[in-house]
Amino acid sequence: MAMSVGGDSAESPMSDINTTPLVDVMLVLLIIFLIAVPVAIQTVKGIKLPSVVFDPTTTKPENVSLSVKAAPDGACQVYWGVAPVTHQELLDRAVAKLKADIDRQGGAGNPNLELPEAHIRADINTPWKCVAGTIYNMQMAGFAKVGFISQPKGGGA
């Protein structure tokens, strides 16, 4: 802060402006714009999923393996293991599976309770509505972890 001591006249008004708060505000705005502008100017021209790198998954026997593909007529086909199921059968089997695993481990009060996961293999030409419906059914059944299994490119990691 500046303090005027002496000078021409003690009664003359001080004409100096304190610019420190103005500079502080401008620096904060500059930082905000530096962070926000790259996000705002990103455009989606073509969406390409990242390449799959071989990362082995640890498959437990209690995990549920689902396969999803589209039928030639456009309907969704879901397979529990290798058995085809409807969406209602998927929901019923998932609820029964989860309940059986919880009971096997001593009930919901067990602090070391390990819930099974759902692993989905979806055909590359499957409409998203089929995959989303399968994810929704598994989450409605109570599965907290729903993941995707993909085919790695040749050559490994």
N, C-alpha and C. Protein backbone atom coordinates (compact mmCIF):
# COMPACT_ATOMS: atom_id res chain seq x y z
N MET A 1 0.84 -1.17 0.00
CA MET A 1 0.00 0.00 0.00
C MET A 1 0.88 1.24 0.00
N ALA A 2 0.39 2.23 -0.66
CA ALA A 2 1.14 3.49 -0.74
C ALA A 2 0.55 4.48 0.24
N MET A 3 1.44 5.29 0.77
CA MET A 3 0.99 6.31 1.71
C MET A 3 1.63 7.63 1.31
N SER A 4 0.81 8.59 1.19
CA SER A 4 1.30 9.90 0.78
C SER A 4 1.70 10.71 2.00
N VAL A 5 2.96 11.08 2.05
CA VAL A 5 3.45 11.88 3.18
C VAL A 5 4.00 13.19 2.61
N GLY A 6 3.50 14.26 3.10
CA GLY A 6 3.96 15.56 2.63
C GLY A 6 3.44 15.83 1.25
N GLY A 7 4.13 16.60 0.53
CA GLY A 7 3.71 16.87 -0.83
C GLY A 7 3.31 18.32 -0.96
N ASP A 8 2.60 18.61 -2.03
CA ASP A 8 2.20 19.97 -2.32
C ASP A 8 1.25 20.49 -1.26
N SER A 9 0.21 19.77 -1.03
CA SER A 9 -0.79 20.27 -0.09
C SER A 9 -1.43 19.07 0.59
N ALA A 10 -1.68 19.17 1.85
CA ALA A 10 -2.29 18.07 2.60
C ALA A 10 -3.76 17.95 2.26
N GLU A 11 -4.33 18.97 1.66
CA GLU A 11 -5.75 18.96 1.37
C GLU A 11 -6.05 18.45 -0.04
N SER A 12 -5.06 18.24 -0.87
CA SER A 12 -5.32 17.78 -2.23
C SER A 12 -5.64 16.28 -2.21
N PRO A 13 -6.60 15.88 -3.01
CA PRO A 13 -6.97 14.45 -3.02
C PRO A 13 -5.86 13.59 -3.63
N MET A 14 -5.80 12.34 -3.18
CA MET A 14 -4.79 11.42 -3.68
C MET A 14 -5.26 10.88 -5.03
N SER A 15 -4.45 10.96 -6.04
CA SER A 15 -4.86 10.55 -7.38
C SER A 15 -4.25 9.21 -7.80
N ASP A 16 -3.54 8.51 -6.93
CA ASP A 16 -2.96 7.21 -7.25
C ASP A 16 -4.00 6.11 -7.07
N ILE A 17 -4.05 5.16 -8.00
CA ILE A 17 -4.99 4.04 -7.93
C ILE A 17 -4.20 2.80 -7.52
N ASN A 18 -4.75 2.07 -6.57
CA ASN A 18 -4.12 0.84 -6.13
C ASN A 18 -4.50 -0.25 -7.14
N THR A 19 -3.53 -0.70 -7.92
CA THR A 19 -3.81 -1.68 -8.98
C THR A 19 -3.58 -3.13 -8.54
N THR A 20 -3.13 -3.36 -7.34
CA THR A 20 -2.85 -4.73 -6.88
C THR A 20 -4.09 -5.62 -6.93
N PRO A 21 -5.27 -5.20 -6.42
CA PRO A 21 -6.45 -6.08 -6.51
C PRO A 21 -6.86 -6.35 -7.96
N LEU A 22 -6.70 -5.35 -8.82
CA LEU A 22 -7.04 -5.52 -10.22
C LEU A 22 -6.12 -6.57 -10.87
N VAL A 23 -4.84 -6.52 -10.58
CA VAL A 23 -3.89 -7.49 -11.13
C VAL A 23 -4.19 -8.89 -10.59
N ASP A 24 -4.54 -8.99 -9.32
CA ASP A 24 -4.87 -10.29 -8.74
C ASP A 24 -6.08 -10.91 -9.44
N VAL A 25 -7.12 -10.13 -9.66
CA VAL A 25 -8.32 -10.62 -10.33
C VAL A 25 -7.99 -11.03 -11.77
N MET A 26 -7.20 -10.23 -12.45
CA MET A 26 -6.85 -10.56 -13.83
C MET A 26 -6.03 -11.85 -13.92
N LEU A 27 -5.12 -12.08 -12.97
CA LEU A 27 -4.35 -13.32 -12.97
C LEU A 27 -5.23 -14.54 -12.71
N VAL A 28 -6.19 -14.40 -11.81
CA VAL A 28 -7.12 -15.49 -11.56
C VAL A 28 -7.95 -15.78 -12.81
N LEU A 29 -8.44 -14.76 -13.48
CA LEU A 29 -9.21 -14.95 -14.71
C LEU A 29 -8.35 -15.59 -15.80
N LEU A 30 -7.10 -15.19 -15.90
CA LEU A 30 -6.20 -15.77 -16.88
C LEU A 30 -6.03 -17.27 -16.64
N ILE A 31 -5.85 -17.65 -15.39
CA ILE A 31 -5.70 -19.07 -15.07
C ILE A 31 -6.98 -19.84 -15.39
N ILE A 32 -8.13 -19.27 -15.07
CA ILE A 32 -9.41 -19.92 -15.39
C ILE A 32 -9.55 -20.11 -16.89
N PHE A 33 -9.24 -19.11 -17.67
CA PHE A 33 -9.36 -19.23 -19.13
C PHE A 33 -8.35 -20.21 -19.70
N LEU A 34 -7.15 -20.26 -19.13
CA LEU A 34 -6.16 -21.23 -19.61
C LEU A 34 -6.62 -22.67 -19.39
N ILE A 35 -7.37 -22.89 -18.33
CA ILE A 35 -7.88 -24.23 -18.05
C ILE A 35 -9.13 -24.52 -18.87
N ALA A 36 -10.02 -23.53 -19.01
CA ALA A 36 -11.32 -23.76 -19.65
C ALA A 36 -11.28 -23.76 -21.17
N VAL A 37 -10.41 -23.00 -21.78
CA VAL A 37 -10.41 -22.88 -23.24
C VAL A 37 -10.09 -24.19 -23.95
N PRO A 38 -9.08 -24.96 -23.55
CA PRO A 38 -8.84 -26.22 -24.26
C PRO A 38 -10.04 -27.17 -24.19
N VAL A 39 -10.78 -27.16 -23.11
CA VAL A 39 -11.96 -28.01 -23.00
C VAL A 39 -13.05 -27.50 -23.93
N ALA A 40 -13.20 -26.20 -24.06
CA ALA A 40 -14.27 -25.63 -24.86
C ALA A 40 -14.02 -25.76 -26.35
N ILE A 41 -12.77 -25.80 -26.79
CA ILE A 41 -12.51 -25.84 -28.23
C ILE A 41 -12.36 -27.25 -28.78
N GLN A 42 -12.48 -28.28 -27.94
CA GLN A 42 -12.39 -29.64 -28.43
C GLN A 42 -13.65 -29.97 -29.21
N THR A 43 -13.47 -30.53 -30.39
CA THR A 43 -14.62 -30.93 -31.19
C THR A 43 -14.53 -32.43 -31.45
N VAL A 44 -15.67 -33.02 -31.64
CA VAL A 44 -15.73 -34.46 -31.91
C VAL A 44 -15.93 -34.65 -33.39
N LYS A 45 -14.88 -35.03 -34.09
CA LYS A 45 -14.98 -35.28 -35.53
C LYS A 45 -15.27 -36.75 -35.77
N GLY A 46 -14.48 -37.59 -35.21
CA GLY A 46 -14.68 -39.03 -35.32
C GLY A 46 -14.25 -39.66 -34.03
N ILE A 47 -15.06 -40.53 -33.51
CA ILE A 47 -14.72 -41.16 -32.24
C ILE A 47 -14.02 -42.47 -32.53
N LYS A 48 -12.83 -42.61 -32.01
CA LYS A 48 -12.08 -43.84 -32.16
C LYS A 48 -11.68 -44.32 -30.78
N LEU A 49 -12.08 -45.52 -30.45
CA LEU A 49 -11.73 -46.07 -29.16
C LEU A 49 -10.24 -46.35 -29.10
N PRO A 50 -9.66 -46.26 -27.91
CA PRO A 50 -8.21 -46.52 -27.81
C PRO A 50 -7.89 -47.96 -28.16
N SER A 51 -6.68 -48.16 -28.61
CA SER A 51 -6.23 -49.51 -28.94
C SER A 51 -6.16 -50.33 -27.68
N VAL A 52 -6.47 -51.59 -27.81
CA VAL A 52 -6.47 -52.48 -26.66
C VAL A 52 -5.08 -53.04 -26.46
N VAL A 53 -4.57 -52.90 -25.27
CA VAL A 53 -3.29 -53.47 -24.91
C VAL A 53 -3.56 -54.70 -24.07
N PHE A 54 -2.79 -55.73 -24.29
CA PHE A 54 -3.00 -56.98 -23.57
C PHE A 54 -2.82 -56.74 -22.08
N ASP A 55 -3.90 -56.86 -21.35
CA ASP A 55 -3.88 -56.72 -19.91
C ASP A 55 -4.71 -57.86 -19.35
N PRO A 56 -4.07 -58.93 -18.89
CA PRO A 56 -4.84 -60.10 -18.46
C PRO A 56 -5.76 -59.77 -17.30
N THR A 57 -6.98 -60.27 -17.39
CA THR A 57 -7.93 -60.08 -16.31
C THR A 57 -7.93 -61.32 -15.43
N THR A 58 -8.18 -61.10 -14.17
CA THR A 58 -8.28 -62.23 -13.25
C THR A 58 -9.74 -62.62 -13.18
N THR A 59 -10.06 -63.72 -13.82
CA THR A 59 -11.44 -64.18 -13.85
C THR A 59 -11.66 -65.14 -12.70
N LYS A 60 -12.61 -64.80 -11.86
CA LYS A 60 -12.96 -65.66 -10.73
C LYS A 60 -14.13 -66.54 -11.16
N PRO A 61 -14.26 -67.70 -10.56
CA PRO A 61 -15.35 -68.59 -10.96
C PRO A 61 -16.73 -68.01 -10.67
N GLU A 62 -16.83 -67.12 -9.69
CA GLU A 62 -18.14 -66.57 -9.36
C GLU A 62 -18.56 -65.42 -10.29
N ASN A 63 -17.66 -64.92 -11.12
CA ASN A 63 -18.00 -63.84 -12.05
C ASN A 63 -18.96 -64.36 -13.13
N VAL A 64 -19.78 -63.46 -13.62
CA VAL A 64 -20.76 -63.80 -14.65
C VAL A 64 -20.22 -63.37 -16.00
N SER A 65 -20.22 -64.29 -16.95
CA SER A 65 -19.76 -64.00 -18.30
C SER A 65 -20.98 -63.85 -19.21
N LEU A 66 -21.12 -62.67 -19.80
CA LEU A 66 -22.24 -62.38 -20.70
C LEU A 66 -21.71 -62.05 -22.08
N SER A 67 -22.45 -62.46 -23.09
CA SER A 67 -22.13 -62.11 -24.47
C SER A 67 -23.35 -61.42 -25.06
N VAL A 68 -23.11 -60.35 -25.80
CA VAL A 68 -24.21 -59.57 -26.37
C VAL A 68 -23.94 -59.40 -27.86
N LYS A 69 -24.98 -59.65 -28.66
CA LYS A 69 -24.88 -59.40 -30.08
C LYS A 69 -26.26 -59.07 -30.62
N ALA A 70 -26.29 -58.55 -31.82
CA ALA A 70 -27.56 -58.20 -32.44
C ALA A 70 -27.97 -59.32 -33.38
N ALA A 71 -29.25 -59.66 -33.33
CA ALA A 71 -29.80 -60.66 -34.25
C ALA A 71 -29.96 -60.02 -35.62
N PRO A 72 -30.10 -60.84 -36.67
CA PRO A 72 -30.28 -60.27 -38.02
C PRO A 72 -31.51 -59.36 -38.14
N ASP A 73 -32.53 -59.61 -37.31
CA ASP A 73 -33.73 -58.76 -37.37
C ASP A 73 -33.60 -57.50 -36.53
N GLY A 74 -32.45 -57.28 -35.88
CA GLY A 74 -32.21 -56.08 -35.10
C GLY A 74 -32.47 -56.25 -33.62
N ALA A 75 -33.01 -57.40 -33.21
CA ALA A 75 -33.25 -57.64 -31.79
C ALA A 75 -31.92 -57.91 -31.08
N CYS A 76 -31.93 -57.76 -29.79
CA CYS A 76 -30.72 -57.99 -28.99
C CYS A 76 -30.70 -59.43 -28.51
N GLN A 77 -29.55 -60.06 -28.61
CA GLN A 77 -29.37 -61.41 -28.10
C GLN A 77 -28.34 -61.36 -26.98
N VAL A 78 -28.73 -61.87 -25.82
CA VAL A 78 -27.85 -61.90 -24.65
C VAL A 78 -27.65 -63.36 -24.27
N TYR A 79 -26.40 -63.72 -23.97
CA TYR A 79 -26.06 -65.09 -23.59
C TYR A 79 -25.43 -65.07 -22.20
N TRP A 80 -25.96 -65.91 -21.32
CA TRP A 80 -25.37 -66.13 -19.99
C TRP A 80 -24.47 -67.33 -20.15
N GLY A 81 -23.18 -67.12 -20.20
CA GLY A 81 -22.27 -68.20 -20.57
C GLY A 81 -22.47 -68.48 -22.05
N VAL A 82 -23.06 -69.63 -22.35
CA VAL A 82 -23.38 -69.96 -23.74
C VAL A 82 -24.88 -70.13 -23.94
N ALA A 83 -25.67 -69.96 -22.88
CA ALA A 83 -27.12 -70.14 -22.96
C ALA A 83 -27.80 -68.81 -23.27
N PRO A 84 -28.63 -68.75 -24.31
CA PRO A 84 -29.36 -67.50 -24.59
C PRO A 84 -30.42 -67.23 -23.53
N VAL A 85 -30.54 -65.96 -23.15
CA VAL A 85 -31.53 -65.55 -22.15
C VAL A 85 -32.24 -64.29 -22.65
N THR A 86 -33.48 -64.12 -22.20
CA THR A 86 -34.21 -62.88 -22.46
C THR A 86 -33.77 -61.87 -21.40
N HIS A 87 -34.22 -60.62 -21.55
CA HIS A 87 -33.83 -59.61 -20.57
C HIS A 87 -34.43 -59.91 -19.20
N GLN A 88 -35.65 -60.43 -19.16
CA GLN A 88 -36.25 -60.78 -17.86
C GLN A 88 -35.54 -61.97 -17.23
N GLU A 89 -35.19 -62.96 -18.03
CA GLU A 89 -34.43 -64.11 -17.51
C GLU A 89 -33.06 -63.67 -17.02
N LEU A 90 -32.45 -62.72 -17.72
CA LEU A 90 -31.15 -62.19 -17.29
C LEU A 90 -31.26 -61.54 -15.93
N LEU A 91 -32.30 -60.73 -15.74
CA LEU A 91 -32.50 -60.06 -14.46
C LEU A 91 -32.76 -61.08 -13.36
N ASP A 92 -33.61 -62.07 -13.62
CA ASP A 92 -33.93 -63.07 -12.61
C ASP A 92 -32.71 -63.92 -12.24
N ARG A 93 -31.94 -64.35 -13.24
CA ARG A 93 -30.75 -65.16 -12.97
C ARG A 93 -29.69 -64.36 -12.23
N ALA A 94 -29.55 -63.07 -12.59
CA ALA A 94 -28.55 -62.23 -11.92
C ALA A 94 -28.91 -62.01 -10.46
N VAL A 95 -30.19 -61.77 -10.17
CA VAL A 95 -30.61 -61.60 -8.77
C VAL A 95 -30.37 -62.88 -7.99
N ALA A 96 -30.74 -64.03 -8.57
CA ALA A 96 -30.54 -65.31 -7.89
C ALA A 96 -29.06 -65.59 -7.67
N LYS A 97 -28.22 -65.30 -8.66
CA LYS A 97 -26.78 -65.52 -8.54
C LYS A 97 -26.19 -64.67 -7.43
N LEU A 98 -26.55 -63.39 -7.41
CA LEU A 98 -26.02 -62.48 -6.40
C LEU A 98 -26.48 -62.90 -5.01
N LYS A 99 -27.75 -63.26 -4.87
CA LYS A 99 -28.26 -63.70 -3.57
C LYS A 99 -27.55 -64.97 -3.11
N ALA A 100 -27.34 -65.92 -4.01
CA ALA A 100 -26.65 -67.17 -3.65
C ALA A 100 -25.21 -66.89 -3.21
N ASP A 101 -24.51 -65.98 -3.89
CA ASP A 101 -23.12 -65.66 -3.51
C ASP A 101 -23.06 -64.96 -2.16
N ILE A 102 -24.02 -64.09 -1.89
CA ILE A 102 -24.03 -63.40 -0.60
C ILE A 102 -24.33 -64.39 0.52
N ASP A 103 -25.29 -65.28 0.31
CA ASP A 103 -25.61 -66.28 1.32
C ASP A 103 -24.44 -67.24 1.55
N ARG A 104 -23.74 -67.60 0.49
CA ARG A 104 -22.60 -68.51 0.59
C ARG A 104 -21.48 -67.91 1.43
N GLN A 105 -21.35 -66.58 1.41
CA GLN A 105 -20.27 -65.91 2.14
C GLN A 105 -20.69 -65.46 3.53
N GLY A 106 -21.87 -65.85 3.97
CA GLY A 106 -22.26 -65.53 5.34
C GLY A 106 -23.22 -64.37 5.46
N GLY A 107 -23.81 -63.92 4.39
CA GLY A 107 -24.80 -62.85 4.46
C GLY A 107 -24.22 -61.48 4.18
N ALA A 108 -25.13 -60.51 4.10
CA ALA A 108 -24.74 -59.14 3.75
C ALA A 108 -23.94 -58.45 4.85
N GLY A 109 -23.99 -58.97 6.09
CA GLY A 109 -23.27 -58.35 7.20
C GLY A 109 -21.79 -58.71 7.24
N ASN A 110 -21.35 -59.58 6.36
CA ASN A 110 -19.94 -60.01 6.33
C ASN A 110 -19.07 -58.84 5.85
N PRO A 111 -18.10 -58.40 6.68
CA PRO A 111 -17.26 -57.27 6.24
C PRO A 111 -16.31 -57.63 5.10
N ASN A 112 -16.02 -58.91 4.91
CA ASN A 112 -15.11 -59.35 3.85
C ASN A 112 -15.88 -59.88 2.64
N LEU A 113 -17.08 -59.42 2.46
CA LEU A 113 -17.94 -59.89 1.38
C LEU A 113 -17.36 -59.48 0.03
N GLU A 114 -17.17 -60.45 -0.85
CA GLU A 114 -16.68 -60.17 -2.20
C GLU A 114 -17.80 -60.47 -3.18
N LEU A 115 -18.32 -59.43 -3.80
CA LEU A 115 -19.41 -59.61 -4.75
C LEU A 115 -18.86 -59.99 -6.12
N PRO A 116 -19.61 -60.78 -6.87
CA PRO A 116 -19.15 -61.14 -8.21
C PRO A 116 -19.23 -59.96 -9.16
N GLU A 117 -18.53 -60.08 -10.24
CA GLU A 117 -18.53 -59.05 -11.28
C GLU A 117 -19.23 -59.60 -12.51
N ALA A 118 -19.72 -58.71 -13.35
CA ALA A 118 -20.30 -59.10 -14.63
C ALA A 118 -19.34 -58.67 -15.73
N HIS A 119 -18.94 -59.61 -16.57
CA HIS A 119 -18.04 -59.33 -17.69
C HIS A 119 -18.83 -59.47 -18.98
N ILE A 120 -18.85 -58.40 -19.76
CA ILE A 120 -19.64 -58.37 -20.99
C ILE A 120 -18.72 -58.41 -22.20
N ARG A 121 -19.00 -59.34 -23.08
CA ARG A 121 -18.33 -59.40 -24.38
C ARG A 121 -19.39 -58.97 -25.40
N ALA A 122 -19.13 -57.90 -26.09
CA ALA A 122 -20.09 -57.39 -27.06
C ALA A 122 -19.47 -57.41 -28.45
N ASP A 123 -20.25 -57.87 -29.42
CA ASP A 123 -19.80 -57.87 -30.80
C ASP A 123 -19.59 -56.42 -31.24
N ILE A 124 -18.62 -56.20 -32.13
CA ILE A 124 -18.29 -54.84 -32.55
C ILE A 124 -19.45 -54.16 -33.29
N ASN A 125 -20.32 -54.95 -33.91
CA ASN A 125 -21.46 -54.39 -34.65
C ASN A 125 -22.75 -54.37 -33.83
N THR A 126 -22.65 -54.59 -32.54
CA THR A 126 -23.83 -54.59 -31.68
C THR A 126 -24.27 -53.16 -31.42
N PRO A 127 -25.57 -52.86 -31.60
CA PRO A 127 -26.05 -51.51 -31.27
C PRO A 127 -25.87 -51.23 -29.77
N TRP A 128 -25.64 -49.99 -29.47
CA TRP A 128 -25.38 -49.60 -28.09
C TRP A 128 -26.57 -49.88 -27.19
N LYS A 129 -27.79 -49.85 -27.73
CA LYS A 129 -28.98 -50.09 -26.90
C LYS A 129 -28.94 -51.50 -26.32
N CYS A 130 -28.38 -52.46 -27.05
CA CYS A 130 -28.29 -53.83 -26.54
C CYS A 130 -27.31 -53.91 -25.37
N VAL A 131 -26.17 -53.28 -25.52
CA VAL A 131 -25.16 -53.29 -24.46
C VAL A 131 -25.67 -52.51 -23.25
N ALA A 132 -26.26 -51.35 -23.49
CA ALA A 132 -26.77 -50.53 -22.39
C ALA A 132 -27.89 -51.25 -21.63
N GLY A 133 -28.75 -51.95 -22.35
CA GLY A 133 -29.81 -52.71 -21.68
C GLY A 133 -29.25 -53.81 -20.80
N THR A 134 -28.20 -54.46 -21.26
CA THR A 134 -27.56 -55.52 -20.47
C THR A 134 -26.91 -54.93 -19.22
N ILE A 135 -26.22 -53.81 -19.39
CA ILE A 135 -25.60 -53.14 -18.23
C ILE A 135 -26.67 -52.73 -17.23
N TYR A 136 -27.77 -52.17 -17.72
CA TYR A 136 -28.86 -51.72 -16.85
C TYR A 136 -29.45 -52.90 -16.07
N ASN A 137 -29.70 -54.02 -16.75
CA ASN A 137 -30.25 -55.18 -16.07
C ASN A 137 -29.31 -55.69 -14.98
N MET A 138 -28.02 -55.73 -15.25
CA MET A 138 -27.07 -56.21 -14.26
C MET A 138 -26.99 -55.26 -13.07
N GLN A 139 -27.06 -53.97 -13.33
CA GLN A 139 -27.03 -53.01 -12.22
C GLN A 139 -28.33 -53.06 -11.43
N MET A 140 -29.45 -53.29 -12.09
CA MET A 140 -30.72 -53.43 -11.38
C MET A 140 -30.72 -54.68 -10.50
N ALA A 141 -30.01 -55.70 -10.93
CA ALA A 141 -29.92 -56.93 -10.15
C ALA A 141 -29.05 -56.74 -8.91
N GLY A 142 -28.18 -55.73 -8.92
CA GLY A 142 -27.34 -55.45 -7.76
C GLY A 142 -25.85 -55.60 -8.02
N PHE A 143 -25.45 -55.89 -9.25
CA PHE A 143 -24.03 -56.02 -9.56
C PHE A 143 -23.41 -54.62 -9.58
N ALA A 144 -22.40 -54.42 -8.73
CA ALA A 144 -21.75 -53.11 -8.64
C ALA A 144 -20.67 -52.95 -9.69
N LYS A 145 -20.06 -54.06 -10.10
CA LYS A 145 -18.97 -53.99 -11.07
C LYS A 145 -19.40 -54.68 -12.36
N VAL A 146 -19.51 -53.90 -13.41
CA VAL A 146 -19.85 -54.42 -14.73
C VAL A 146 -18.74 -53.94 -15.66
N GLY A 147 -18.03 -54.86 -16.28
CA GLY A 147 -16.90 -54.50 -17.14
C GLY A 147 -17.02 -55.12 -18.51
N PHE A 148 -16.13 -54.71 -19.39
CA PHE A 148 -16.10 -55.20 -20.76
C PHE A 148 -14.86 -56.05 -20.99
N ILE A 149 -15.03 -57.10 -21.75
CA ILE A 149 -13.92 -57.94 -22.16
C ILE A 149 -13.73 -57.70 -23.66
N SER A 150 -12.49 -57.47 -24.05
CA SER A 150 -12.20 -57.20 -25.47
C SER A 150 -11.12 -58.14 -25.95
N GLN A 151 -10.99 -58.20 -27.25
CA GLN A 151 -9.97 -59.05 -27.87
C GLN A 151 -8.74 -58.19 -28.11
N PRO A 152 -7.60 -58.53 -27.52
CA PRO A 152 -6.40 -57.73 -27.75
C PRO A 152 -5.88 -57.95 -29.16
N LYS A 153 -5.16 -56.95 -29.66
CA LYS A 153 -4.51 -57.09 -30.96
C LYS A 153 -3.38 -58.08 -30.84
N GLY A 154 -2.99 -58.64 -31.94
CA GLY A 154 -1.91 -59.62 -31.94
C GLY A 154 -0.60 -59.00 -31.49
N GLY A 155 0.25 -59.78 -30.87
CA GLY A 155 1.56 -59.29 -30.46
C GLY A 155 1.68 -59.10 -28.97
N GLY A 156 0.56 -58.92 -28.27
CA GLY A 156 0.61 -58.75 -26.82
C GLY A 156 1.15 -57.40 -26.42
N ALA A 157 1.62 -57.32 -25.20
CA ALA A 157 2.07 -56.04 -24.66
C ALA A 157 3.49 -55.76 -25.08
